[in-house]
Amino acid sequence: MNSLLLDKNPEDTRVVVAMSGGVDSSVTAALLKEEGYDVIGVTLQLYDHGEAVSKPGACCAGQDIRDARRVAEAIGIPHYVLDFEEIFKQDVIEDFADSYVAGETPIPCVRCNQTVKFRDLLERAKQLEADLLVTGHYVGWKMGSNGAELYRGADHGRDQSYFLFTTTQEQLDFLRFPLGEMTKDETRVLAKKHGLPVASKPDSQDICFVPDGSYADVVSKLRPSAFKTGDIVNLEGEVLGQHKGIVHYTVGQRRGLGIGGGPILYVIRIDAKNNQVIVGSKEALERPGLTLHDVNWIGAGESLPETGVTLQVKVRSLQPPVDAVVYGEEQGKARVEFKQPHVGIAPGQACVFYDDDRVLGGGWIAKEET
């Protein structure tokens, strides 16, 4: 049994490493090469913004592709660049824009993992006759009695499991995450030890296709209608001001509303149909529960029990898990009831299920309350 838990010698085990050009995936490739695995590096070209060639914080274009190639050459592995630009545009960028137009707050990194990486890249890895697809995500992986299991990364400050909740059992069996037990500092040390040319490269900070952090600029090019002005109203329907397009607002926001002079107000919900932003007090943000669609379940049994199961859930990537009871429903839906009212619940975000550190799946938030 090798370190990737396959009953083969490393030299007989072909692995495809998804190389973004960053430190994490580069160290992953270097570690596996050092152990004697048959490593193939694959980098995805996802978009082609000319300014991304030299702009720090971007990824998957320009300089990052060249960095991945430099690392591959340094550690002596073959490297391929796959043009997934059209797939990425349709499944991630267009979805991102549509979600904002619908008054939601999207998470394109989850969509990218769900489609481009763990659907399309994974299939390419199989075409390359690989035994496994390996990534540099900070998540844990263990073999359980019923197959592979997904866990939070050992360093909870770096844990990326929230962004992998759509991973299916079949995909999880074919994936590995060697950095799951490491901290970022430990990864940096290994990068320097192996003399990788990206050892001091800064982390990506923004969504890859929004390297300057301006989501609105991207949406404005794809969906100009999202910038139609409309009313900001309170919960009683009283008009308090005008908004500059619903794309600029998200649930829980309190800055930049342009309706000062009274009590502090927060965005409670966004009514895309009527082009309204509804505001209210902080207390009005509290929700006893929520409903989910497109639920992915990788816990015990074929589906989430309709009788309910007590778990911990996260409704934002940086928030700690909270106690809740989750009830499975028909057509891939679920209902979540919090033990204590929760705030900051935005349609379009994800609700991820945990049993302590184990990830049991999750779903997309469809509406704010049960």
Protein backbone atom coordinates (compact mmCIF):
# COMPACT_ATOMS: atom_id res chain seq x y z
CA MET A 1 0.00 0.00 0.00
CA ASN A 2 1.57 3.29 -1.09
CA SER A 3 1.14 6.68 0.58
CA LEU A 4 -1.88 7.44 -1.62
CA LEU A 5 -3.50 4.25 -0.32
CA LEU A 6 -3.44 2.24 -3.52
CA ASP A 7 -2.24 -1.34 -3.55
CA LYS A 8 0.52 -0.57 -6.04
CA ASN A 9 4.13 0.54 -5.95
CA PRO A 10 4.55 4.32 -6.43
CA GLU A 11 6.45 3.80 -9.69
CA ASP A 12 3.47 1.82 -11.00
CA THR A 13 0.97 4.47 -9.94
CA ARG A 14 0.22 7.24 -12.43
CA VAL A 15 -1.17 10.42 -10.91
CA VAL A 16 -2.31 13.61 -12.59
CA VAL A 17 -1.63 16.68 -10.46
CA ALA A 18 -3.77 19.75 -11.11
CA MET A 19 -1.10 22.49 -11.22
CA SER A 20 -2.37 26.06 -10.97
CA GLY A 21 1.08 27.63 -10.91
CA GLY A 22 0.80 28.34 -7.19
CA VAL A 23 2.78 27.06 -4.22
CA ASP A 24 0.31 24.44 -3.00
CA SER A 25 -0.11 22.42 -6.19
CA SER A 26 3.59 22.78 -6.98
CA VAL A 27 4.59 21.27 -3.62
CA THR A 28 2.03 18.51 -4.15
CA ALA A 29 3.64 17.56 -7.46
CA ALA A 30 7.15 17.75 -6.00
CA LEU A 31 6.29 15.51 -3.03
CA LEU A 32 4.75 12.84 -5.23
CA LYS A 33 7.65 12.95 -7.67
CA GLU A 34 10.07 12.56 -4.75
CA GLU A 35 8.16 9.48 -3.59
CA GLY A 36 8.61 7.89 -6.99
CA TYR A 37 5.12 8.25 -8.47
CA ASP A 38 4.56 8.53 -12.21
CA VAL A 39 3.47 12.19 -12.07
CA ILE A 40 1.86 14.18 -14.88
CA GLY A 41 1.26 17.88 -14.34
CA VAL A 42 -1.84 19.42 -15.93
CA THR A 43 -2.70 23.11 -15.96
CA LEU A 44 -6.02 24.50 -17.11
CA GLN A 45 -6.23 27.66 -19.16
CA LEU A 46 -9.57 29.03 -18.03
CA TYR A 47 -9.58 32.53 -19.49
CA ASP A 48 -7.31 34.83 -21.42
CA HIS A 49 -7.28 38.31 -19.93
CA GLY A 50 -4.23 40.09 -21.29
CA GLU A 51 -3.75 41.99 -18.04
CA ALA A 52 -3.66 38.71 -16.07
CA VAL A 53 -0.24 37.90 -17.52
CA SER A 54 1.52 40.07 -15.00
CA LYS A 55 -1.16 41.02 -12.47
CA PRO A 56 -0.56 39.49 -9.01
CA GLY A 57 -3.47 37.62 -7.46
CA ALA A 58 -4.76 36.15 -10.71
CA CYS A 59 -4.56 32.49 -11.66
CA CYS A 60 -5.17 30.06 -14.51
CA ALA A 61 -3.86 32.35 -17.23
CA GLY A 62 -0.63 33.98 -18.39
CA GLN A 63 2.10 33.95 -15.79
CA ASP A 64 0.56 31.15 -13.74
CA ILE A 65 0.65 28.77 -16.68
CA ARG A 66 4.31 29.64 -17.23
CA ASP A 67 5.03 29.16 -13.51
CA ALA A 68 3.44 25.70 -13.58
CA ARG A 69 5.58 24.79 -16.58
CA ARG A 70 8.73 26.03 -14.79
CA VAL A 71 7.95 23.89 -11.76
CA ALA A 72 7.30 20.84 -13.92
CA GLU A 73 10.65 21.31 -15.63
CA ALA A 74 12.40 21.80 -12.28
CA ILE A 75 11.11 18.55 -10.80
CA GLY A 76 11.28 16.60 -14.05
CA ILE A 77 7.68 15.71 -14.91
CA PRO A 78 5.69 16.07 -18.14
CA HIS A 79 3.34 19.05 -18.23
CA TYR A 80 0.24 19.72 -20.31
CA VAL A 81 -1.94 22.81 -20.68
CA LEU A 82 -5.60 22.12 -21.43
CA ASP A 83 -7.75 24.81 -23.00
CA PHE A 84 -10.95 24.75 -20.92
CA GLU A 85 -11.78 28.36 -21.69
CA GLU A 86 -15.17 27.74 -23.33
CA ILE A 87 -16.26 25.22 -20.69
CA PHE A 88 -15.24 27.62 -17.92
CA LYS A 89 -17.09 30.51 -19.56
CA GLN A 90 -20.33 28.55 -19.83
CA ASP A 91 -20.30 26.69 -16.52
CA VAL A 92 -18.67 29.24 -14.22
CA ILE A 93 -18.57 32.80 -15.58
CA GLU A 94 -22.05 32.76 -17.16
CA ASP A 95 -23.48 31.09 -14.06
CA PHE A 96 -21.79 33.74 -11.92
CA ALA A 97 -23.46 36.53 -13.88
CA ASP A 98 -26.87 34.84 -13.95
CA SER A 99 -26.73 34.33 -10.20
CA TYR A 100 -26.16 38.03 -9.56
CA VAL A 101 -28.99 38.96 -11.92
CA ALA A 102 -31.28 36.66 -9.90
CA GLY A 103 -30.40 38.55 -6.71
CA GLU A 104 -28.09 35.82 -5.41
CA THR A 105 -24.54 35.83 -4.07
CA PRO A 106 -22.65 33.20 -6.09
CA ILE A 107 -19.58 31.14 -5.22
CA PRO A 108 -17.77 30.55 -8.53
CA CYS A 109 -14.96 28.57 -6.89
CA VAL A 110 -17.46 25.86 -5.92
CA ARG A 111 -18.89 25.79 -9.45
CA CYS A 112 -15.39 25.48 -10.86
CA ASN A 113 -14.58 22.51 -8.62
CA GLN A 114 -17.96 20.95 -9.39
CA THR A 115 -17.70 21.23 -13.15
CA VAL A 116 -14.36 22.12 -14.72
CA LYS A 117 -12.07 20.39 -12.24
CA PHE A 118 -13.82 17.38 -10.74
CA ARG A 119 -15.95 16.59 -13.78
CA ASP A 120 -13.95 17.54 -16.88
CA LEU A 121 -10.36 17.45 -15.62
CA LEU A 122 -11.04 14.23 -13.75
CA GLU A 123 -12.28 12.67 -16.98
CA ARG A 124 -9.12 13.83 -18.78
CA ALA A 125 -7.03 12.26 -16.02
CA LYS A 126 -8.74 8.94 -16.69
CA GLN A 127 -8.08 9.35 -20.42
CA LEU A 128 -4.40 9.74 -19.53
CA GLU A 129 -4.71 6.34 -17.81
CA ALA A 130 -4.08 7.89 -14.41
CA ASP A 131 -4.93 6.03 -11.24
CA LEU A 132 -5.75 9.24 -9.39
CA LEU A 133 -6.28 12.99 -9.72
CA VAL A 134 -4.39 14.89 -7.02
CA THR A 135 -4.82 18.54 -5.99
CA GLY A 136 -3.26 20.97 -3.54
CA HIS A 137 -6.47 21.68 -1.59
CA TYR A 138 -6.22 21.89 2.19
CA VAL A 139 -8.76 19.17 2.94
CA GLY A 140 -8.52 15.79 4.59
CA TRP A 141 -9.11 12.42 2.93
CA LYS A 142 -9.53 9.06 4.62
CA MET A 143 -10.64 5.63 3.49
CA GLY A 144 -13.73 4.59 5.43
CA SER A 145 -15.69 1.37 5.57
CA ASN A 146 -17.97 2.51 2.72
CA GLY A 147 -15.40 4.32 0.59
CA ALA A 148 -13.41 7.54 0.67
CA GLU A 149 -14.37 10.22 3.19
CA LEU A 150 -13.78 13.98 3.03
CA TYR A 151 -12.64 15.99 6.07
CA ARG A 152 -11.81 19.53 7.05
CA GLY A 153 -8.14 20.40 6.66
CA ALA A 154 -6.06 19.97 9.81
CA ASP A 155 -5.34 23.72 9.74
CA HIS A 156 -8.87 25.08 10.09
CA GLY A 157 -7.63 28.52 9.13
CA ARG A 158 -6.73 27.13 5.70
CA ASP A 159 -9.48 24.53 5.39
CA GLN A 160 -11.07 24.52 1.92
CA SER A 161 -13.70 21.83 2.45
CA TYR A 162 -16.58 24.33 2.13
CA PHE A 163 -15.65 24.75 -1.53
CA LEU A 164 -15.66 20.99 -2.21
CA PHE A 165 -19.11 20.09 -0.86
CA THR A 166 -20.39 19.09 -4.32
CA THR A 167 -17.78 16.33 -4.66
CA THR A 168 -19.52 13.00 -5.27
CA GLN A 169 -18.57 9.67 -3.78
CA GLU A 170 -17.34 8.39 -7.15
CA GLN A 171 -15.13 11.46 -7.59
CA LEU A 172 -13.85 11.30 -4.03
CA ASP A 173 -12.67 7.73 -4.55
CA PHE A 174 -10.50 8.96 -7.46
CA LEU A 175 -9.14 12.08 -5.68
CA ARG A 176 -6.33 12.65 -3.20
CA PHE A 177 -5.27 15.73 -1.20
CA PRO A 178 -1.73 15.32 0.21
CA LEU A 179 -1.65 18.74 1.91
CA GLY A 180 -4.65 18.04 4.15
CA GLU A 181 -2.55 17.53 7.27
CA MET A 182 -0.24 20.51 6.65
CA THR A 183 -0.23 24.20 7.41
CA LYS A 184 0.59 26.81 4.80
CA ASP A 185 3.87 27.59 6.56
CA GLU A 186 4.88 23.94 6.32
CA THR A 187 4.06 23.95 2.62
CA ARG A 188 6.23 27.04 2.10
CA VAL A 189 9.13 25.33 3.86
CA LEU A 190 8.80 22.32 1.55
CA ALA A 191 8.68 24.59 -1.50
CA LYS A 192 12.00 26.13 -0.49
CA LYS A 193 13.47 22.73 0.37
CA HIS A 194 12.68 21.48 -3.13
CA GLY A 195 13.98 24.67 -4.72
CA LEU A 196 10.70 25.42 -6.46
CA PRO A 197 10.69 28.65 -8.46
CA VAL A 198 7.32 29.62 -6.91
CA ALA A 199 8.41 29.15 -3.28
CA SER A 200 7.88 32.83 -2.44
CA LYS A 201 4.94 33.45 -4.76
CA PRO A 202 2.01 35.18 -2.99
CA ASP A 203 -1.35 33.46 -2.70
CA SER A 204 -4.18 34.31 -5.04
CA GLN A 205 -6.56 36.67 -3.26
CA ASP A 206 -9.39 37.21 -5.73
CA ILE A 207 -11.68 35.14 -7.89
CA CYS A 208 -9.46 34.11 -10.79
CA PHE A 209 -11.47 35.83 -13.53
CA VAL A 210 -11.90 38.97 -11.37
CA PRO A 211 -8.23 39.74 -10.64
CA ASP A 212 -8.95 43.36 -9.62
CA GLY A 213 -11.78 42.38 -7.28
CA SER A 214 -14.45 44.24 -9.24
CA TYR A 215 -17.27 41.72 -9.65
CA ALA A 216 -19.54 44.44 -10.99
CA ASP A 217 -17.26 45.09 -13.97
CA VAL A 218 -17.50 41.45 -15.03
CA VAL A 219 -21.27 41.30 -14.63
CA SER A 220 -21.78 44.63 -16.42
CA LYS A 221 -20.17 43.23 -19.57
CA LEU A 222 -22.27 40.07 -19.52
CA ARG A 223 -25.57 41.25 -18.02
CA PRO A 224 -26.04 45.04 -18.37
CA SER A 225 -29.64 44.70 -17.13
CA ALA A 226 -28.34 43.99 -13.62
CA PHE A 227 -27.43 47.67 -13.34
CA LYS A 228 -30.95 49.01 -13.70
CA THR A 229 -31.69 51.36 -10.81
CA GLY A 230 -34.58 50.64 -8.46
CA ASP A 231 -36.03 51.19 -5.01
CA ILE A 232 -34.53 50.49 -1.63
CA VAL A 233 -37.49 49.72 0.62
CA ASN A 234 -38.01 48.75 4.24
CA LEU A 235 -39.93 45.68 5.39
CA GLU A 236 -43.18 47.64 5.27
CA GLY A 237 -42.58 48.55 1.62
CA GLU A 238 -41.75 52.20 2.26
CA VAL A 239 -39.28 53.60 -0.28
CA LEU A 240 -36.14 54.86 1.49
CA GLY A 241 -33.90 55.54 -1.48
CA GLN A 242 -32.61 54.30 -4.81
CA HIS A 243 -30.14 51.53 -5.51
CA LYS A 244 -27.69 51.54 -8.41
CA GLY A 245 -28.32 47.96 -9.54
CA ILE A 246 -28.93 44.82 -7.48
CA VAL A 247 -25.54 43.41 -8.43
CA HIS A 248 -23.97 45.83 -5.93
CA TYR A 249 -25.80 44.38 -2.90
CA THR A 250 -25.78 41.22 -0.83
CA VAL A 251 -27.65 39.99 2.23
CA GLY A 252 -26.18 41.38 5.46
CA GLN A 253 -24.58 44.41 3.81
CA ARG A 254 -24.86 47.67 5.75
CA ARG A 255 -22.29 49.95 4.12
CA GLY A 256 -22.80 51.80 0.88
CA LEU A 257 -26.61 51.83 1.00
CA GLY A 258 -26.80 55.60 0.61
CA ILE A 259 -29.74 55.99 2.99
CA GLY A 260 -28.03 57.48 6.05
CA GLY A 261 -29.60 59.73 8.62
CA GLY A 262 -31.53 57.11 10.57
CA PRO A 263 -30.98 53.80 12.35
CA ILE A 264 -28.38 51.40 10.98
CA LEU A 265 -30.00 49.22 8.32
CA TYR A 266 -28.92 46.00 6.66
CA VAL A 267 -29.84 44.32 3.40
CA ILE A 268 -32.41 41.69 4.39
CA ARG A 269 -33.13 40.30 0.96
CA ILE A 270 -32.97 41.15 -2.73
CA ASP A 271 -36.14 41.01 -4.83
CA ALA A 272 -34.84 40.56 -8.36
CA LYS A 273 -38.33 40.25 -9.85
CA ASN A 274 -39.35 43.70 -8.64
CA ASN A 275 -35.82 45.13 -8.77
CA GLN A 276 -35.89 46.04 -5.09
CA VAL A 277 -33.39 45.91 -2.24
CA ILE A 278 -35.19 45.29 1.06
CA VAL A 279 -33.54 46.61 4.22
CA GLY A 280 -34.22 46.32 7.94
CA SER A 281 -32.70 46.00 11.39
CA LYS A 282 -30.00 43.53 12.31
CA GLU A 283 -32.62 41.48 14.16
CA ALA A 284 -34.53 41.07 10.90
CA LEU A 285 -31.54 39.18 9.48
CA GLU A 286 -32.09 36.31 11.91
CA ARG A 287 -33.46 33.13 10.35
CA PRO A 288 -34.65 29.95 12.09
CA GLY A 289 -33.70 27.86 9.07
CA LEU A 290 -33.41 27.65 5.31
CA THR A 291 -34.13 25.43 2.33
CA LEU A 292 -31.62 23.96 -0.09
CA HIS A 293 -31.66 22.70 -3.65
CA ASP A 294 -29.26 20.45 -5.59
CA VAL A 295 -28.17 18.72 -2.39
CA ASN A 296 -25.12 16.45 -2.52
CA TRP A 297 -25.00 13.79 0.22
CA ILE A 298 -21.86 11.73 0.89
CA GLY A 299 -22.80 10.49 4.33
CA ALA A 300 -24.19 7.11 5.37
CA GLY A 301 -27.00 5.81 3.18
CA GLU A 302 -27.96 6.71 -0.35
CA SER A 303 -29.67 9.97 0.58
CA LEU A 304 -30.16 12.45 3.38
CA PRO A 305 -32.74 11.00 5.81
CA GLU A 306 -36.19 12.58 5.65
CA THR A 307 -36.50 12.01 9.40
CA GLY A 308 -33.65 14.44 9.94
CA VAL A 309 -30.10 14.20 11.21
CA THR A 310 -28.33 16.46 13.72
CA LEU A 311 -25.20 17.97 12.19
CA GLN A 312 -23.11 21.12 12.12
CA VAL A 313 -23.52 23.38 9.09
CA LYS A 314 -21.67 26.33 7.57
CA VAL A 315 -23.53 28.94 5.51
CA ARG A 316 -20.45 31.06 4.77
CA SER A 317 -16.92 29.83 4.12
CA LEU A 318 -15.30 31.85 6.91
CA GLN A 319 -17.97 31.28 9.56
CA PRO A 320 -17.62 28.48 12.11
CA PRO A 321 -20.05 25.55 11.89
CA VAL A 322 -23.28 25.80 13.92
CA ASP A 323 -25.62 23.11 15.20
CA ALA A 324 -28.67 22.27 13.09
CA VAL A 325 -31.06 19.50 12.13
CA VAL A 326 -31.12 18.71 8.40
CA TYR A 327 -34.11 17.02 6.77
CA GLY A 328 -33.93 15.40 3.34
CA GLU A 329 -36.72 16.14 0.91
CA GLU A 330 -37.71 15.02 -2.56
CA GLN A 331 -36.03 16.15 -5.78
CA GLY A 332 -32.66 16.83 -4.20
CA LYS A 333 -33.94 19.38 -1.71
CA ALA A 334 -33.39 19.69 2.03
CA ARG A 335 -34.61 21.74 4.96
CA VAL A 336 -32.26 23.03 7.65
CA GLU A 337 -33.43 24.08 11.11
CA PHE A 338 -30.84 25.89 13.23
CA LYS A 339 -30.61 25.23 16.95
CA GLN A 340 -30.24 29.00 17.35
CA PRO A 341 -31.39 31.67 14.83
CA HIS A 342 -28.65 32.46 12.33
CA VAL A 343 -27.81 35.62 10.37
CA GLY A 344 -26.18 36.39 7.04
CA ILE A 345 -28.00 33.75 5.01
CA ALA A 346 -27.81 34.64 1.33
CA PRO A 347 -29.41 32.78 -1.58
CA GLY A 348 -26.74 31.50 -3.94
CA GLN A 349 -24.34 30.67 -1.12
CA ALA A 350 -23.80 27.12 0.11
CA CYS A 351 -24.82 25.31 3.26
CA VAL A 352 -22.25 22.59 3.95
CA PHE A 353 -22.87 19.66 6.30
CA TYR A 354 -20.32 18.48 8.87
CA ASP A 355 -20.16 15.72 11.45
CA ASP A 356 -17.34 17.08 13.58
CA ASP A 357 -14.55 17.35 10.97
CA ARG A 358 -16.07 15.03 8.39
CA VAL A 359 -17.81 16.63 5.40
CA LEU A 360 -21.15 15.04 4.54
CA GLY A 361 -22.06 17.19 1.54
CA GLY A 362 -24.29 20.22 1.33
CA GLY A 363 -26.59 22.20 -0.93
CA TRP A 364 -27.30 25.61 -2.45
CA ILE A 365 -29.31 28.09 -0.39
CA ALA A 366 -32.61 28.69 -2.16
CA LYS A 367 -34.36 31.04 0.24
CA GLU A 368 -33.75 32.59 3.62
CA GLU A 369 -36.30 30.87 5.81
CA THR A 370 -38.31 27.71 6.21
